[in-house]
Amino acid sequence: MKLTKRAGLAAMMTCMATAAAVTPAAAGSSVPVVVPLEGLDAALPFESPSVSTGVPIPMPGSPSGPRHVAGSLTPSPLLPSLPVTTELPSTLLKAPLSDPITDEKLGTAAVTSPSSPLRAESPGAVLKAPLTPPQAELFGLPALSDPQAGLLAPTLHGSPDANLGLL
């Protein structure tokens, strides 16, 4: 392989490595969305409002591993909860205001919602086996017990906020 081909291949590999390193940094936590409401202008006697927001991209986390519980044959929880985190994107709703008597423009009403973090956990499961650990009085054999099952409740943590104002 000639030196010029090697140099070209090295330059191409460098560009590919740089592009691969930049791509995750360019990805955001939401996909921007502008709701098209311009079609309402023909049906409404006033200007149509505008809405811009985003669709959050959830990022799954790692579940906490099952823990050994003394006196139980199965770990607890048997099916751990899966945490998911995301950020609620900022939202802006603007509607022009006009005086109904004089048709004079008064300004623009705006409802804004700043971005806020959101954390959710999926439900989990707890199961107790219908056998006890080996017991000395039964010569090392397990005894029967009532099976027990339960669900861990899903959780949702967040603090969304909204502001109403006149622009």
Protein backbone atom coordinates (compact mmCIF):
# COMPACT_ATOMS: atom_id res chain seq x y z
CA MET A 1 0.00 0.00 0.00
CA LYS A 2 1.42 3.38 -1.01
CA LEU A 3 1.98 6.19 1.42
CA THR A 4 -0.79 8.35 -0.11
CA LYS A 5 -3.34 5.55 0.32
CA ARG A 6 -2.24 5.05 3.93
CA ALA A 7 -2.56 8.78 4.62
CA GLY A 8 -6.03 8.86 3.03
CA LEU A 9 -7.12 5.83 5.06
CA ALA A 10 -5.75 7.39 8.26
CA ALA A 11 -7.59 10.65 7.56
CA MET A 12 -10.84 8.78 6.89
CA MET A 13 -10.49 6.77 10.13
CA THR A 14 -9.81 9.99 12.06
CA CYS A 15 -12.97 11.59 10.64
CA MET A 16 -15.06 8.53 11.50
CA ALA A 17 -13.72 8.45 15.07
CA THR A 18 -14.46 12.16 15.51
CA ALA A 19 -18.00 11.75 14.16
CA ALA A 20 -18.63 8.79 16.46
CA ALA A 21 -17.43 10.77 19.47
CA VAL A 22 -19.57 13.83 18.65
CA THR A 23 -22.83 11.97 17.88
CA PRO A 24 -23.83 11.09 21.49
CA ALA A 25 -23.09 14.64 22.62
CA ALA A 26 -25.40 16.05 19.92
CA ALA A 27 -28.33 13.93 21.09
CA GLY A 28 -30.59 15.84 23.44
CA SER A 29 -33.00 14.78 26.14
CA SER A 30 -36.05 15.61 24.01
CA VAL A 31 -37.19 15.92 20.42
CA PRO A 32 -38.53 19.41 19.61
CA VAL A 33 -42.10 19.61 18.29
CA VAL A 34 -43.96 22.61 16.88
CA VAL A 35 -47.70 21.95 16.63
CA PRO A 36 -49.01 23.28 13.30
CA LEU A 37 -52.11 25.35 14.08
CA GLU A 38 -51.99 27.68 11.07
CA GLY A 39 -54.98 25.87 9.53
CA LEU A 40 -57.21 27.32 12.25
CA ASP A 41 -56.89 30.83 10.79
CA ALA A 42 -59.66 30.11 8.27
CA ALA A 43 -62.05 28.78 10.92
CA LEU A 44 -61.40 31.24 13.76
CA PRO A 45 -62.22 34.96 13.70
CA PHE A 46 -58.85 35.72 15.32
CA GLU A 47 -55.21 34.71 14.89
CA SER A 48 -54.41 31.12 15.73
CA PRO A 49 -52.29 30.31 18.78
CA SER A 50 -48.86 28.72 18.53
CA VAL A 51 -47.58 25.75 20.53
CA SER A 52 -43.98 24.59 20.76
CA THR A 53 -42.88 21.78 23.04
CA GLY A 54 -40.88 18.58 22.91
CA VAL A 55 -41.23 14.84 23.31
CA PRO A 56 -39.04 13.53 26.15
CA ILE A 57 -36.62 10.69 25.48
CA PRO A 58 -36.67 8.28 28.45
CA MET A 59 -33.33 6.83 29.58
CA PRO A 60 -33.58 3.51 31.43
CA GLY A 61 -31.31 3.07 34.42
CA SER A 62 -29.95 -0.03 36.04
CA PRO A 63 -32.20 -1.81 38.54
CA SER A 64 -30.99 -2.48 42.05
CA GLY A 65 -29.98 -6.10 42.34
CA PRO A 66 -31.91 -8.62 44.41
CA ARG A 67 -30.76 -8.97 48.02
CA HIS A 68 -30.53 -12.13 50.09
CA VAL A 69 -32.99 -12.21 52.98
CA ALA A 70 -32.24 -14.45 55.96
CA GLY A 71 -34.85 -17.20 56.29
CA SER A 72 -36.00 -17.00 52.68
CA LEU A 73 -35.06 -19.24 49.75
CA THR A 74 -35.62 -16.54 47.12
CA PRO A 75 -33.97 -13.11 46.84
CA SER A 76 -36.01 -10.01 47.57
CA PRO A 77 -37.28 -8.46 45.38
CA LEU A 78 -37.45 -11.30 42.90
CA LEU A 79 -38.21 -8.88 40.05
CA PRO A 80 -36.62 -5.49 40.84
CA SER A 81 -38.06 -2.15 39.75
CA LEU A 82 -36.52 -0.53 36.66
CA PRO A 83 -35.79 3.19 37.05
CA VAL A 84 -36.35 5.49 34.07
CA THR A 85 -35.25 9.13 34.03
CA THR A 86 -35.98 11.91 31.58
CA GLU A 87 -36.47 15.64 31.45
CA LEU A 88 -39.84 17.15 30.63
CA PRO A 89 -39.11 19.68 27.88
CA SER A 90 -40.08 23.32 28.07
CA THR A 91 -43.41 24.23 26.50
CA LEU A 92 -44.60 27.57 25.14
CA LEU A 93 -48.20 28.35 24.20
CA LYS A 94 -48.80 31.83 22.77
CA ALA A 95 -52.16 33.31 21.75
CA PRO A 96 -52.64 36.87 20.49
CA LEU A 97 -55.15 38.95 22.45
CA SER A 98 -57.31 41.67 20.98
CA ASP A 99 -59.93 43.93 22.50
CA PRO A 100 -63.38 42.52 21.57
CA ILE A 101 -64.90 46.00 21.29
CA THR A 102 -62.25 47.97 19.39
CA ASP A 103 -60.27 45.12 17.75
CA GLU A 104 -57.11 46.72 19.14
CA LYS A 105 -54.23 44.32 19.87
CA LEU A 106 -53.63 44.06 23.61
CA GLY A 107 -50.61 41.78 23.47
CA THR A 108 -49.99 38.07 23.57
CA ALA A 109 -51.04 35.69 26.31
CA ALA A 110 -48.38 33.09 27.03
CA VAL A 111 -48.34 29.92 29.07
CA THR A 112 -44.84 28.60 29.62
CA SER A 113 -43.63 25.46 31.30
CA PRO A 114 -39.88 25.26 32.00
CA SER A 115 -38.08 21.95 31.64
CA SER A 116 -38.05 19.79 34.77
CA PRO A 117 -36.57 16.41 35.68
CA LEU A 118 -38.80 13.34 35.90
CA ARG A 119 -38.02 9.95 37.47
CA ALA A 120 -40.20 6.86 37.28
CA GLU A 121 -39.82 3.30 38.52
CA SER A 122 -41.62 0.31 37.08
CA PRO A 123 -43.46 -2.11 39.34
CA GLY A 124 -41.49 -4.96 40.88
CA ALA A 125 -42.44 -8.33 42.33
CA VAL A 126 -41.73 -10.05 45.63
CA LEU A 127 -42.24 -13.81 45.94
CA LYS A 128 -41.74 -16.08 48.92
CA ALA A 129 -41.24 -19.76 48.16
CA PRO A 130 -43.68 -22.29 49.66
CA LEU A 131 -40.76 -23.97 51.44
CA THR A 132 -38.80 -22.96 54.52
CA PRO A 133 -35.05 -23.30 54.80
CA PRO A 134 -33.84 -26.71 56.03
CA GLN A 135 -34.73 -27.26 59.69
CA ALA A 136 -32.81 -29.34 62.23
CA GLU A 137 -35.98 -30.80 63.83
CA LEU A 138 -37.01 -32.19 60.43
CA PHE A 139 -33.57 -33.79 59.89
CA GLY A 140 -32.46 -31.12 57.43
CA LEU A 141 -35.63 -31.16 55.32
CA PRO A 142 -37.62 -28.01 54.53
CA ALA A 143 -41.15 -27.56 55.84
CA LEU A 144 -44.12 -26.35 53.83
CA SER A 145 -45.28 -22.77 54.26
CA ASP A 146 -47.90 -20.59 52.67
CA PRO A 147 -46.71 -19.05 49.39
CA GLN A 148 -46.66 -15.27 49.44
CA ALA A 149 -46.53 -12.87 46.50
CA GLY A 150 -46.64 -9.12 46.29
CA LEU A 151 -46.16 -6.25 43.88
CA LEU A 152 -44.02 -3.20 44.45
CA ALA A 153 -45.92 -0.08 43.48
CA PRO A 154 -44.69 2.01 40.54
CA THR A 155 -43.49 5.50 41.43
CA LEU A 156 -43.34 8.81 39.59
CA HIS A 157 -41.29 11.76 40.90
CA GLY A 158 -41.32 15.16 39.27
CA SER A 159 -42.11 18.80 39.87
CA PRO A 160 -43.53 20.37 36.71
CA ASP A 161 -44.25 24.09 36.86
CA ALA A 162 -46.19 26.52 34.66
CA ASN A 163 -46.32 30.30 34.27
CA LEU A 164 -49.09 32.44 32.80
CA GLY A 165 -48.33 35.91 31.57
CA LEU A 166 -48.92 38.66 29.04
CA LEU A 167 -46.18 39.46 26.53
